[in-house]
Structure formats: C-alpha cells, structure tokens
Amino acid sequence: MNDLKNICVFCGSSDGNDTQITKVAAQLGKSFAEQNIALVYGAAKIGVMGTIAQNCLDANGKVIGIIPEFLKLKEVVHLGLTELHTTQNMHERKMMMQEMSDGFITLPGGFGTLEELFEVITWGQLGLHSKPIGLLNINGFYEDMIRLLETMVKRGFLSMTNYELLQVDDDVDRLLQKMRNFKAPEVPQWLKPDRT
C-alpha cells in the first residue's frame, strides 16, 4: 500500500471549455485536503491549476507550488500557497516536483501537461522511480490518447508492463485507491547498474 502524503498534479493553465473538468478539478483539490494529501503543482493561480490549488486551500489543505523564475515574473504565480519554491528553469522545476511527490495525477491540459506526464512515465519505465502515476480521464478527455497507447502495445513499441504503469479512472476516489494499491514492476535486468 503506497502512502500518498504528497501528490504532484499536472494539468492545464487554461480552463478549457468543458465545465465538468473545472468541477472535477475543484473536487480533487477538496479531496486532497480531506485526505490530508499535500498538493504539489506548478504554482499558477490561473486555469485548472488555479482551481485545484484554491479549492485545496479553501478546504484547509496544504499546497506546495514550484515555479521557474521566468513564469513568476509574468505574475501568474499564486501568492497564497502554503509553500512556494522558485527554480532557475523548467528542468529544475520538474526534478523538484518529482523529488517532493509520492505519486502523480494528470488532468486535462495541453502540450506542457502531456510532456510532464510522459516524462514521469518514462522515468518510471527506466526504474528511476517506483511511484504511482494516475490519469484522471474526465469526460473521456484522454480516450484518444489511451487508444494510441493501446496501438503502441499492439504494434510492439510499448510492453504491457509499461502500459500498466499508468493508472486510469474517471473518478477521483477510485483513482486514488488504484494509486495506493499500485506495485511497481521489477526493473529489467538490462537497466540495473553494472556491479562488475
């Protein structure tokens, strides 16, 4: 059973045009507060990111923001967070997010959200961490991507073991339970350090 004290959330800095996404984002923020899970995220006050953070804070939850200096200067940063960390660049930001988190959840977003999701899955595939990775598939937002991953498995570019690194659900509580029950696969022999 994974102890999820801090969960990093990847999601859009825009609101999008589906109000169900905003509604579920607000629910996720409240759920974190109720379950004493600290939110680790990109520190923005706008979009889906801002919705999750504000709802977690409003429910007396803990929110840890991590933002690179150049975005902080553009005044998108949420200044009412429990903790705010500033990094020199995006690479440092992602590394700090990974180090501070016990698991990851991705909500709808754009290029940046997908880049963060696939990087953290790749790190898991390479055995650089063994933390659970969740995908909150709100209103079928990620159905096409899931089909693409299934095609990768069928065409031999993705193993079923690595496909199953991603825990998928459309319900907040069910997804958190899947993440708590997640057991990382054995690191392949070829990825283990050479002890000779």
N, C-alpha and C. Protein backbone atom coordinates (compact mmCIF):
# COMPACT_ATOMS: atom_id res chain seq x y z
N MET A 1 0.85 -1.20 0.00
CA MET A 1 0.00 0.00 0.00
C MET A 1 0.89 1.25 0.00
N ASN A 2 0.70 2.13 -0.98
CA ASN A 2 1.50 3.35 -1.08
C ASN A 2 0.93 4.44 -0.18
N ASP A 3 1.82 5.08 0.58
CA ASP A 3 1.42 6.18 1.45
C ASP A 3 1.55 7.48 0.65
N LEU A 4 0.43 8.02 0.24
CA LEU A 4 0.42 9.19 -0.63
C LEU A 4 0.26 10.47 0.19
N LYS A 5 1.36 10.95 0.74
CA LYS A 5 1.32 12.18 1.54
C LYS A 5 1.37 13.42 0.66
N ASN A 6 2.13 13.35 -0.42
CA ASN A 6 2.27 14.46 -1.37
C ASN A 6 2.01 13.93 -2.77
N ILE A 7 1.07 14.52 -3.48
CA ILE A 7 0.80 14.13 -4.87
C ILE A 7 1.01 15.33 -5.78
N CYS A 8 1.78 15.12 -6.83
CA CYS A 8 2.00 16.15 -7.84
C CYS A 8 0.90 16.05 -8.89
N VAL A 9 0.31 17.18 -9.24
CA VAL A 9 -0.74 17.22 -10.25
C VAL A 9 -0.25 18.01 -11.46
N PHE A 10 -0.37 17.38 -12.64
CA PHE A 10 -0.09 18.04 -13.91
C PHE A 10 -1.44 18.37 -14.57
N CYS A 11 -1.61 19.59 -15.04
CA CYS A 11 -2.88 19.97 -15.67
C CYS A 11 -2.70 21.32 -16.36
N GLY A 12 -3.77 21.75 -17.03
CA GLY A 12 -3.70 22.95 -17.83
C GLY A 12 -3.65 24.26 -17.05
N SER A 13 -2.99 25.24 -17.64
CA SER A 13 -3.00 26.59 -17.09
C SER A 13 -4.13 27.40 -17.73
N SER A 14 -4.95 26.72 -18.55
CA SER A 14 -6.18 27.29 -19.09
C SER A 14 -7.36 26.55 -18.47
N ASP A 15 -8.55 27.14 -18.58
CA ASP A 15 -9.75 26.49 -18.07
C ASP A 15 -10.38 25.53 -19.07
N GLY A 16 -10.06 25.70 -20.37
CA GLY A 16 -10.73 24.91 -21.39
C GLY A 16 -12.18 25.33 -21.51
N ASN A 17 -12.98 24.52 -22.23
CA ASN A 17 -14.38 24.89 -22.44
C ASN A 17 -15.35 23.81 -21.97
N ASP A 18 -14.86 22.90 -21.12
CA ASP A 18 -15.71 21.85 -20.56
C ASP A 18 -15.81 22.09 -19.05
N THR A 19 -16.97 22.55 -18.59
CA THR A 19 -17.13 22.90 -17.17
C THR A 19 -16.99 21.69 -16.25
N GLN A 20 -17.18 20.48 -16.79
CA GLN A 20 -17.02 19.27 -15.97
C GLN A 20 -15.57 19.12 -15.51
N ILE A 21 -14.63 19.55 -16.35
CA ILE A 21 -13.20 19.46 -15.99
C ILE A 21 -12.92 20.36 -14.79
N THR A 22 -13.43 21.58 -14.82
CA THR A 22 -13.24 22.51 -13.70
C THR A 22 -13.90 21.97 -12.43
N LYS A 23 -15.07 21.38 -12.59
CA LYS A 23 -15.80 20.83 -11.45
C LYS A 23 -15.02 19.69 -10.79
N VAL A 24 -14.48 18.78 -11.60
CA VAL A 24 -13.73 17.65 -11.04
C VAL A 24 -12.39 18.14 -10.46
N ALA A 25 -11.78 19.14 -11.08
CA ALA A 25 -10.55 19.72 -10.54
C ALA A 25 -10.79 20.28 -9.14
N ALA A 26 -11.92 20.97 -8.97
CA ALA A 26 -12.28 21.51 -7.65
C ALA A 26 -12.48 20.37 -6.65
N GLN A 27 -13.14 19.30 -7.10
CA GLN A 27 -13.36 18.13 -6.23
C GLN A 27 -12.04 17.49 -5.81
N LEU A 28 -11.09 17.42 -6.76
CA LEU A 28 -9.78 16.83 -6.45
C LEU A 28 -9.06 17.64 -5.37
N GLY A 29 -9.10 18.96 -5.51
CA GLY A 29 -8.47 19.82 -4.51
C GLY A 29 -9.06 19.61 -3.13
N LYS A 30 -10.40 19.53 -3.05
CA LYS A 30 -11.07 19.28 -1.77
C LYS A 30 -10.74 17.90 -1.22
N SER A 31 -10.70 16.90 -2.10
CA SER A 31 -10.38 15.53 -1.67
C SER A 31 -8.99 15.45 -1.06
N PHE A 32 -8.05 16.15 -1.68
CA PHE A 32 -6.69 16.18 -1.13
C PHE A 32 -6.70 16.71 0.30
N ALA A 33 -7.39 17.83 0.50
CA ALA A 33 -7.46 18.44 1.83
C ALA A 33 -8.11 17.49 2.83
N GLU A 34 -9.23 16.87 2.43
CA GLU A 34 -9.95 15.95 3.32
C GLU A 34 -9.13 14.73 3.69
N GLN A 35 -8.29 14.25 2.76
CA GLN A 35 -7.49 13.05 2.99
C GLN A 35 -6.07 13.36 3.46
N ASN A 36 -5.83 14.65 3.78
CA ASN A 36 -4.53 15.08 4.28
C ASN A 36 -3.40 14.79 3.30
N ILE A 37 -3.69 15.00 2.01
CA ILE A 37 -2.68 14.85 0.96
C ILE A 37 -2.27 16.26 0.54
N ALA A 38 -0.98 16.53 0.57
CA ALA A 38 -0.49 17.83 0.11
C ALA A 38 -0.45 17.85 -1.41
N LEU A 39 -0.90 18.95 -2.00
CA LEU A 39 -0.85 19.14 -3.45
C LEU A 39 0.49 19.76 -3.82
N VAL A 40 1.19 19.11 -4.73
CA VAL A 40 2.40 19.67 -5.32
C VAL A 40 2.04 20.00 -6.77
N TYR A 41 2.28 21.25 -7.19
CA TYR A 41 1.89 21.62 -8.55
C TYR A 41 2.72 22.81 -9.02
N GLY A 42 2.40 23.31 -10.21
CA GLY A 42 3.21 24.33 -10.85
C GLY A 42 3.04 25.76 -10.39
N ALA A 43 2.28 25.99 -9.30
CA ALA A 43 2.20 27.28 -8.60
C ALA A 43 1.39 28.36 -9.29
N ALA A 44 0.69 28.04 -10.38
CA ALA A 44 -0.09 29.07 -11.07
C ALA A 44 -1.43 29.35 -10.38
N LYS A 45 -1.91 30.58 -10.55
CA LYS A 45 -3.21 30.95 -9.98
C LYS A 45 -4.30 30.88 -11.05
N ILE A 46 -3.94 30.49 -12.28
CA ILE A 46 -4.88 30.50 -13.40
C ILE A 46 -5.22 29.09 -13.87
N GLY A 47 -6.32 28.98 -14.61
CA GLY A 47 -6.70 27.73 -15.24
C GLY A 47 -7.07 26.62 -14.28
N VAL A 48 -6.99 25.39 -14.79
CA VAL A 48 -7.29 24.21 -13.98
C VAL A 48 -6.33 24.14 -12.80
N MET A 49 -5.08 24.56 -13.02
CA MET A 49 -4.08 24.58 -11.95
C MET A 49 -4.57 25.43 -10.77
N GLY A 50 -5.03 26.62 -11.08
CA GLY A 50 -5.51 27.53 -10.03
C GLY A 50 -6.74 27.00 -9.32
N THR A 51 -7.62 26.34 -10.07
CA THR A 51 -8.85 25.78 -9.48
C THR A 51 -8.53 24.72 -8.44
N ILE A 52 -7.65 23.79 -8.79
CA ILE A 52 -7.28 22.73 -7.84
C ILE A 52 -6.65 23.34 -6.58
N ALA A 53 -5.69 24.22 -6.79
CA ALA A 53 -4.97 24.82 -5.66
C ALA A 53 -5.91 25.59 -4.74
N GLN A 54 -6.75 26.43 -5.31
CA GLN A 54 -7.62 27.27 -4.48
C GLN A 54 -8.62 26.44 -3.70
N ASN A 55 -9.16 25.38 -4.33
CA ASN A 55 -10.13 24.52 -3.63
C ASN A 55 -9.46 23.73 -2.53
N CYS A 56 -8.22 23.33 -2.73
CA CYS A 56 -7.47 22.64 -1.67
C CYS A 56 -7.21 23.59 -0.50
N LEU A 57 -6.80 24.81 -0.80
CA LEU A 57 -6.54 25.81 0.24
C LEU A 57 -7.82 26.18 0.99
N ASP A 58 -8.91 26.35 0.24
CA ASP A 58 -10.19 26.72 0.86
C ASP A 58 -10.70 25.66 1.83
N ALA A 59 -10.26 24.40 1.60
CA ALA A 59 -10.65 23.29 2.49
C ALA A 59 -9.58 23.03 3.55
N ASN A 60 -8.70 24.01 3.75
CA ASN A 60 -7.62 23.94 4.74
C ASN A 60 -6.57 22.89 4.41
N GLY A 61 -6.35 22.65 3.12
CA GLY A 61 -5.32 21.72 2.69
C GLY A 61 -3.98 22.41 2.51
N LYS A 62 -2.95 21.59 2.28
CA LYS A 62 -1.59 22.09 2.08
C LYS A 62 -1.27 22.09 0.59
N VAL A 63 -0.77 23.22 0.10
CA VAL A 63 -0.44 23.35 -1.32
C VAL A 63 0.99 23.85 -1.49
N ILE A 64 1.79 23.07 -2.22
CA ILE A 64 3.20 23.39 -2.47
C ILE A 64 3.35 23.74 -3.95
N GLY A 65 3.71 24.98 -4.22
CA GLY A 65 3.90 25.42 -5.60
C GLY A 65 5.36 25.49 -5.98
N ILE A 66 5.66 25.09 -7.21
CA ILE A 66 7.03 25.13 -7.72
C ILE A 66 6.99 25.81 -9.08
N ILE A 67 7.69 26.92 -9.21
CA ILE A 67 7.60 27.71 -10.45
C ILE A 67 8.97 28.23 -10.87
N PRO A 68 9.28 28.21 -12.16
CA PRO A 68 10.54 28.80 -12.61
C PRO A 68 10.48 30.32 -12.58
N GLU A 69 11.61 30.93 -12.41
CA GLU A 69 11.71 32.39 -12.24
C GLU A 69 11.00 33.16 -13.36
N PHE A 70 11.16 32.72 -14.62
CA PHE A 70 10.60 33.50 -15.73
C PHE A 70 9.07 33.51 -15.72
N LEU A 71 8.42 32.45 -15.20
CA LEU A 71 6.97 32.46 -15.10
C LEU A 71 6.50 33.27 -13.89
N LYS A 72 7.29 33.25 -12.84
CA LYS A 72 6.96 34.03 -11.65
C LYS A 72 6.91 35.53 -11.99
N LEU A 73 7.81 35.93 -12.86
CA LEU A 73 7.89 37.34 -13.26
C LEU A 73 6.69 37.76 -14.11
N LYS A 74 6.01 36.80 -14.73
CA LYS A 74 4.85 37.11 -15.56
C LYS A 74 3.56 37.22 -14.74
N GLU A 75 3.69 37.15 -13.42
CA GLU A 75 2.58 37.37 -12.48
C GLU A 75 1.45 36.35 -12.60
N VAL A 76 1.80 35.11 -12.98
CA VAL A 76 0.78 34.05 -12.98
C VAL A 76 0.84 33.24 -11.68
N VAL A 77 1.79 33.56 -10.82
CA VAL A 77 2.01 32.78 -9.61
C VAL A 77 0.92 33.05 -8.55
N HIS A 78 0.52 31.98 -7.87
CA HIS A 78 -0.44 32.08 -6.75
C HIS A 78 0.37 32.44 -5.50
N LEU A 79 0.08 33.58 -4.92
CA LEU A 79 0.88 34.07 -3.78
C LEU A 79 0.33 33.64 -2.43
N GLY A 80 -0.76 32.86 -2.41
CA GLY A 80 -1.34 32.45 -1.14
C GLY A 80 -1.11 30.99 -0.79
N LEU A 81 -0.06 30.40 -1.34
CA LEU A 81 0.21 28.97 -1.14
C LEU A 81 0.86 28.70 0.21
N THR A 82 0.80 27.45 0.63
CA THR A 82 1.43 27.04 1.89
C THR A 82 2.95 27.16 1.77
N GLU A 83 3.47 26.71 0.61
CA GLU A 83 4.90 26.83 0.31
C GLU A 83 5.04 27.22 -1.16
N LEU A 84 6.03 28.07 -1.45
CA LEU A 84 6.32 28.43 -2.83
C LEU A 84 7.82 28.32 -3.05
N HIS A 85 8.19 27.49 -4.04
CA HIS A 85 9.60 27.29 -4.38
C HIS A 85 9.84 27.84 -5.79
N THR A 86 10.94 28.57 -5.95
CA THR A 86 11.30 29.14 -7.25
C THR A 86 12.54 28.43 -7.78
N THR A 87 12.48 28.01 -9.04
CA THR A 87 13.62 27.33 -9.67
C THR A 87 14.18 28.21 -10.78
N GLN A 88 15.37 27.84 -11.25
CA GLN A 88 16.01 28.60 -12.32
C GLN A 88 15.36 28.33 -13.68
N ASN A 89 14.86 27.10 -13.87
CA ASN A 89 14.30 26.74 -15.17
C ASN A 89 13.28 25.61 -15.03
N MET A 90 12.72 25.20 -16.18
CA MET A 90 11.69 24.15 -16.20
C MET A 90 12.25 22.80 -15.76
N HIS A 91 13.47 22.50 -16.13
CA HIS A 91 14.08 21.20 -15.79
C HIS A 91 14.20 21.06 -14.27
N GLU A 92 14.68 22.11 -13.62
CA GLU A 92 14.78 22.08 -12.15
C GLU A 92 13.40 21.96 -11.51
N ARG A 93 12.43 22.63 -12.10
CA ARG A 93 11.06 22.57 -11.58
C ARG A 93 10.54 21.14 -11.58
N LYS A 94 10.70 20.45 -12.72
CA LYS A 94 10.19 19.08 -12.84
C LYS A 94 10.93 18.12 -11.91
N MET A 95 12.22 18.34 -11.77
CA MET A 95 13.00 17.49 -10.87
C MET A 95 12.54 17.67 -9.42
N MET A 96 12.30 18.91 -9.02
CA MET A 96 11.83 19.17 -7.65
C MET A 96 10.44 18.59 -7.43
N MET A 97 9.57 18.71 -8.42
CA MET A 97 8.23 18.13 -8.32
C MET A 97 8.33 16.62 -8.09
N GLN A 98 9.18 15.97 -8.86
CA GLN A 98 9.35 14.51 -8.75
C GLN A 98 9.88 14.13 -7.37
N GLU A 99 10.87 14.86 -6.90
CA GLU A 99 11.51 14.54 -5.62
C GLU A 99 10.57 14.77 -4.44
N MET A 100 9.67 15.75 -4.54
CA MET A 100 8.80 16.10 -3.42
C MET A 100 7.51 15.28 -3.38
N SER A 101 7.28 14.44 -4.39
CA SER A 101 5.98 13.77 -4.53
C SER A 101 6.06 12.26 -4.30
N ASP A 102 4.95 11.71 -3.80
CA ASP A 102 4.81 10.26 -3.61
C ASP A 102 4.03 9.63 -4.76
N GLY A 103 3.48 10.45 -5.64
CA GLY A 103 2.72 9.98 -6.79
C GLY A 103 2.33 11.16 -7.65
N PHE A 104 1.74 10.87 -8.81
CA PHE A 104 1.42 11.89 -9.80
C PHE A 104 0.02 11.66 -10.36
N ILE A 105 -0.72 12.75 -10.59
CA ILE A 105 -2.02 12.66 -11.26
C ILE A 105 -2.05 13.69 -12.38
N THR A 106 -2.50 13.26 -13.55
CA THR A 106 -2.65 14.16 -14.68
C THR A 106 -4.12 14.39 -14.99
N LEU A 107 -4.49 15.65 -15.11
CA LEU A 107 -5.82 16.07 -15.54
C LEU A 107 -5.70 16.64 -16.95
N PRO A 108 -6.80 17.04 -17.57
CA PRO A 108 -6.71 17.63 -18.90
C PRO A 108 -5.78 18.85 -18.95
N GLY A 109 -5.15 19.00 -20.10
CA GLY A 109 -4.23 20.11 -20.33
C GLY A 109 -3.73 20.05 -21.76
N GLY A 110 -2.69 20.82 -22.04
CA GLY A 110 -2.14 20.90 -23.39
C GLY A 110 -0.77 20.25 -23.50
N PHE A 111 0.08 20.82 -24.35
CA PHE A 111 1.41 20.25 -24.60
C PHE A 111 2.22 20.07 -23.32
N GLY A 112 2.23 21.11 -22.47
CA GLY A 112 3.04 21.05 -21.25
C GLY A 112 2.59 19.92 -20.33
N THR A 113 1.28 19.72 -20.23
CA THR A 113 0.73 18.66 -19.39
C THR A 113 1.16 17.29 -19.91
N LEU A 114 1.04 17.10 -21.22
CA LEU A 114 1.44 15.81 -21.82
C LEU A 114 2.93 15.57 -21.66
N GLU A 115 3.72 16.62 -21.83
CA GLU A 115 5.17 16.48 -21.69
C GLU A 115 5.54 16.04 -20.28
N GLU A 116 4.89 16.63 -19.28
CA GLU A 116 5.17 16.26 -17.89
C GLU A 116 4.74 14.82 -17.61
N LEU A 117 3.56 14.44 -18.11
CA LEU A 117 3.06 13.08 -17.91
C LEU A 117 4.01 12.06 -18.52
N PHE A 118 4.37 12.26 -19.79
CA PHE A 118 5.20 11.25 -20.46
C PHE A 118 6.62 11.20 -19.92
N GLU A 119 7.13 12.33 -19.45
CA GLU A 119 8.46 12.29 -18.84
C GLU A 119 8.44 11.45 -17.56
N VAL A 120 7.42 11.65 -16.72
CA VAL A 120 7.38 10.94 -15.44
C VAL A 120 7.09 9.44 -15.66
N ILE A 121 6.30 9.11 -16.72
CA ILE A 121 6.10 7.70 -17.06
C ILE A 121 7.41 7.09 -17.54
N THR A 122 8.14 7.82 -18.37
CA THR A 122 9.42 7.32 -18.89
C THR A 122 10.40 7.09 -17.75
N TRP A 123 10.44 8.00 -16.79
CA TRP A 123 11.31 7.81 -15.62
C TRP A 123 10.93 6.53 -14.86
N GLY A 124 9.62 6.28 -14.74
CA GLY A 124 9.16 5.05 -14.09
C GLY A 124 9.55 3.83 -14.88
N GLN A 125 9.40 3.89 -16.21
CA GLN A 125 9.77 2.78 -17.09
C GLN A 125 11.25 2.44 -16.97
N LEU A 126 12.07 3.47 -16.78
CA LEU A 126 13.52 3.28 -16.66
C LEU A 126 13.96 2.93 -15.24
N GLY A 127 12.99 2.83 -14.32
CA GLY A 127 13.33 2.47 -12.95
C GLY A 127 13.92 3.60 -12.13
N LEU A 128 13.75 4.85 -12.60
CA LEU A 128 14.28 5.99 -11.85
C LEU A 128 13.39 6.36 -10.66
N HIS A 129 12.14 5.88 -10.68
CA HIS A 129 11.26 5.98 -9.51
C HIS A 129 10.25 4.84 -9.60
N SER A 130 9.58 4.58 -8.50
CA SER A 130 8.57 3.50 -8.47
C SER A 130 7.24 4.03 -7.96
N LYS A 131 6.97 5.30 -8.22
CA LYS A 131 5.78 5.97 -7.70
C LYS A 131 4.59 5.77 -8.63
N PRO A 132 3.37 5.72 -8.08
CA PRO A 132 2.19 5.55 -8.92
C PRO A 132 1.89 6.80 -9.75
N ILE A 133 1.40 6.54 -10.97
CA ILE A 133 1.07 7.62 -11.91
C ILE A 133 -0.39 7.44 -12.32
N GLY A 134 -1.21 8.44 -12.02
CA GLY A 134 -2.63 8.36 -12.32
C GLY A 134 -3.04 9.31 -13.44
N LEU A 135 -4.03 8.87 -14.22
CA LEU A 135 -4.61 9.70 -15.27
C LEU A 135 -6.09 9.85 -14.96
N LEU A 136 -6.53 11.08 -14.68
CA LEU A 136 -7.94 11.34 -14.40
C LEU A 136 -8.63 11.70 -15.72
N ASN A 137 -9.30 10.71 -16.29
CA ASN A 137 -9.87 10.82 -17.63
C ASN A 137 -11.27 11.45 -17.57
N ILE A 138 -11.30 12.75 -17.31
CA ILE A 138 -12.57 13.46 -17.12
C ILE A 138 -13.32 13.60 -18.44
N ASN A 139 -14.57 13.15 -18.45
CA ASN A 139 -15.43 13.29 -19.63
C ASN A 139 -14.78 12.70 -20.89
N GLY A 140 -13.99 11.64 -20.73
CA GLY A 140 -13.37 10.98 -21.87
C GLY A 140 -12.28 11.79 -22.55
N PHE A 141 -11.75 12.80 -21.85
CA PHE A 141 -10.74 13.69 -22.46
C PHE A 141 -9.56 12.93 -23.05
N TYR A 142 -9.11 11.87 -22.37
CA TYR A 142 -7.91 11.16 -22.80
C TYR A 142 -8.20 9.87 -23.57
N GLU A 143 -9.44 9.66 -24.02
CA GLU A 143 -9.78 8.41 -24.73
C GLU A 143 -8.91 8.18 -25.96
N ASP A 144 -8.69 9.22 -26.75
CA ASP A 144 -7.89 9.06 -27.97
C ASP A 144 -6.44 8.71 -27.63
N MET A 145 -5.90 9.32 -26.57
CA MET A 145 -4.53 9.02 -26.17
C MET A 145 -4.42 7.58 -25.67
N ILE A 146 -5.41 7.13 -24.91
CA ILE A 146 -5.41 5.76 -24.41
C ILE A 146 -5.44 4.77 -25.58
N ARG A 147 -6.23 5.09 -26.61
CA ARG A 147 -6.27 4.23 -27.81
C ARG A 147 -4.91 4.20 -28.50
N LEU A 148 -4.23 5.36 -28.53
CA LEU A 148 -2.89 5.41 -29.12
C LEU A 148 -1.92 4.52 -28.34
N LEU A 149 -1.99 4.57 -27.01
CA LEU A 149 -1.12 3.71 -26.19
C LEU A 149 -1.42 2.23 -26.46
N GLU A 150 -2.69 1.90 -26.62
CA GLU A 150 -3.06 0.51 -26.95
C GLU A 150 -2.50 0.10 -28.30
N THR A 151 -2.50 1.04 -29.27
CA THR A 151 -1.89 0.78 -30.58
C THR A 151 -0.39 0.54 -30.44
N MET A 152 0.26 1.31 -29.58
CA MET A 152 1.69 1.11 -29.34
C MET A 152 1.98 -0.29 -28.81
N VAL A 153 1.09 -0.78 -27.94
CA VAL A 153 1.24 -2.15 -27.42
C VAL A 153 1.07 -3.14 -28.55
N LYS A 154 0.00 -2.97 -29.35
CA LYS A 154 -0.30 -3.91 -30.45
C LYS A 154 0.82 -3.93 -31.48
N ARG A 155 1.43 -2.77 -31.73
CA ARG A 155 2.48 -2.68 -32.76
C ARG A 155 3.87 -2.99 -32.22
N GLY A 156 3.95 -3.33 -30.94
CA GLY A 156 5.23 -3.77 -30.38
C GLY A 156 6.18 -2.69 -29.93
N PHE A 157 5.68 -1.46 -29.76
CA PHE A 157 6.55 -0.38 -29.30
C PHE A 157 6.43 -0.11 -27.80
N LEU A 158 5.44 -0.71 -27.17
CA LEU A 158 5.20 -0.50 -25.75
C LEU A 158 4.80 -1.84 -25.13
N SER A 159 5.51 -2.24 -24.08
CA SER A 159 5.16 -3.50 -23.42
C SER A 159 3.91 -3.31 -22.56
N MET A 160 3.20 -4.39 -22.32
CA MET A 160 2.01 -4.30 -21.47
C MET A 160 2.41 -3.89 -20.05
N THR A 161 3.58 -4.33 -19.60
CA THR A 161 4.07 -3.94 -18.26
C THR A 161 4.20 -2.43 -18.16
N ASN A 162 4.77 -1.80 -19.19
CA ASN A 162 4.94 -0.35 -19.16
C ASN A 162 3.62 0.39 -19.40
N TYR A 163 2.75 -0.19 -20.22
CA TYR A 163 1.41 0.39 -20.41
C TYR A 163 0.68 0.47 -19.08
N GLU A 164 0.85 -0.55 -18.26
CA GLU A 164 0.14 -0.62 -16.97
C GLU A 164 0.77 0.26 -15.89
N LEU A 165 1.85 0.98 -16.22
CA LEU A 165 2.38 1.97 -15.28
C LEU A 165 1.39 3.10 -15.07
N LEU A 166 0.51 3.32 -16.05
CA LEU A 166 -0.46 4.40 -15.99
C LEU A 166 -1.79 3.89 -15.44
N GLN A 167 -2.18 4.40 -14.28
CA GLN A 167 -3.44 4.03 -13.65
C GLN A 167 -4.52 5.01 -14.13
N VAL A 168 -5.58 4.50 -14.75
CA VAL A 168 -6.58 5.36 -15.37
C VAL A 168 -7.95 5.19 -14.70
N ASP A 169 -8.63 6.31 -14.46
CA ASP A 169 -10.02 6.27 -13.99
C ASP A 169 -10.64 7.63 -14.24
N ASP A 170 -11.99 7.66 -14.21
CA ASP A 170 -12.68 8.94 -14.37
C ASP A 170 -13.26 9.44 -13.05
N ASP A 171 -12.94 8.72 -11.97
CA ASP A 171 -13.44 9.06 -10.63
C ASP A 171 -12.26 9.32 -9.69
N VAL A 172 -12.31 10.42 -8.98
CA VAL A 172 -11.21 10.84 -8.10
C VAL A 172 -10.88 9.78 -7.06
N ASP A 173 -11.87 9.32 -6.31
CA ASP A 173 -11.60 8.38 -5.21
C ASP A 173 -11.12 7.02 -5.71
N ARG A 174 -11.70 6.54 -6.82
CA ARG A 174 -11.26 5.26 -7.38
C ARG A 174 -9.82 5.35 -7.87
N LEU A 175 -9.48 6.49 -8.49
CA LEU A 175 -8.11 6.66 -8.98
C LEU A 175 -7.12 6.67 -7.82
N LEU A 176 -7.44 7.39 -6.75
CA LEU A 176 -6.55 7.43 -5.59
C LEU A 176 -6.36 6.03 -4.99
N GLN A 177 -7.44 5.22 -4.98
CA GLN A 177 -7.32 3.86 -4.46
C GLN A 177 -6.43 3.00 -5.34
N LYS A 178 -6.57 3.15 -6.66
CA LYS A 178 -5.70 2.42 -7.58
C LYS A 178 -4.24 2.79 -7.36
N MET A 179 -4.00 4.06 -7.11
CA MET A 179 -2.63 4.53 -6.88
C MET A 179 -2.07 3.99 -5.56
N ARG A 180 -2.91 3.93 -4.54
CA ARG A 180 -2.46 3.37 -3.26
C ARG A 180 -2.10 1.88 -3.41
N ASN A 181 -2.83 1.18 -4.27
CA ASN A 181 -2.61 -0.26 -4.46
C ASN A 181 -1.54 -0.58 -5.50
N PHE A 182 -1.03 0.43 -6.20
CA PHE A 182 -0.07 0.22 -7.28
C PHE A 182 1.22 -0.41 -6.77
N LYS A 183 1.70 -1.40 -7.51
CA LYS A 183 3.00 -2.02 -7.20
C LYS A 183 3.87 -1.90 -8.44
N ALA A 184 4.98 -1.22 -8.31
CA ALA A 184 5.87 -1.01 -9.46
C ALA A 184 6.45 -2.34 -9.93
N PRO A 185 6.58 -2.52 -11.25
CA PRO A 185 7.18 -3.75 -11.75
C PRO A 185 8.66 -3.83 -11.44
N GLU A 186 9.18 -5.03 -11.51
CA GLU A 186 10.63 -5.25 -11.33
C GLU A 186 11.38 -4.50 -12.43
N VAL A 187 12.47 -3.83 -12.07
CA VAL A 187 13.29 -3.14 -13.07
C VAL A 187 13.98 -4.20 -13.93
N PRO A 188 13.88 -4.09 -15.27
CA PRO A 188 14.53 -5.07 -16.14
C PRO A 188 16.03 -5.19 -15.86
N GLN A 189 16.55 -6.38 -16.04
CA GLN A 189 17.96 -6.65 -15.73
C GLN A 189 18.91 -5.71 -16.47
N TRP A 190 18.57 -5.40 -17.73
CA TRP A 190 19.47 -4.55 -18.53
C TRP A 190 19.54 -3.12 -18.03
N LEU A 191 18.55 -2.71 -17.18
CA LEU A 191 18.56 -1.36 -16.63
C LEU A 191 19.24 -1.28 -15.27
N LYS A 192 19.51 -2.44 -14.67
CA LYS A 192 20.15 -2.43 -13.35
C LYS A 192 21.61 -2.03 -13.48
N PRO A 193 22.15 -1.33 -12.46
CA PRO A 193 23.56 -0.91 -12.52
C PRO A 193 24.48 -2.11 -12.66
N ASP A 194 25.52 -1.94 -13.44
CA ASP A 194 26.52 -3.00 -13.64
C ASP A 194 27.40 -3.10 -12.39
N ARG A 195 27.39 -4.25 -11.76
CA ARG A 195 28.13 -4.39 -10.48
C ARG A 195 29.49 -5.03 -10.68
N THR A 196 29.96 -5.15 -11.94
CA THR A 196 31.27 -5.78 -12.15
C THR A 196 32.41 -4.82 -11.89
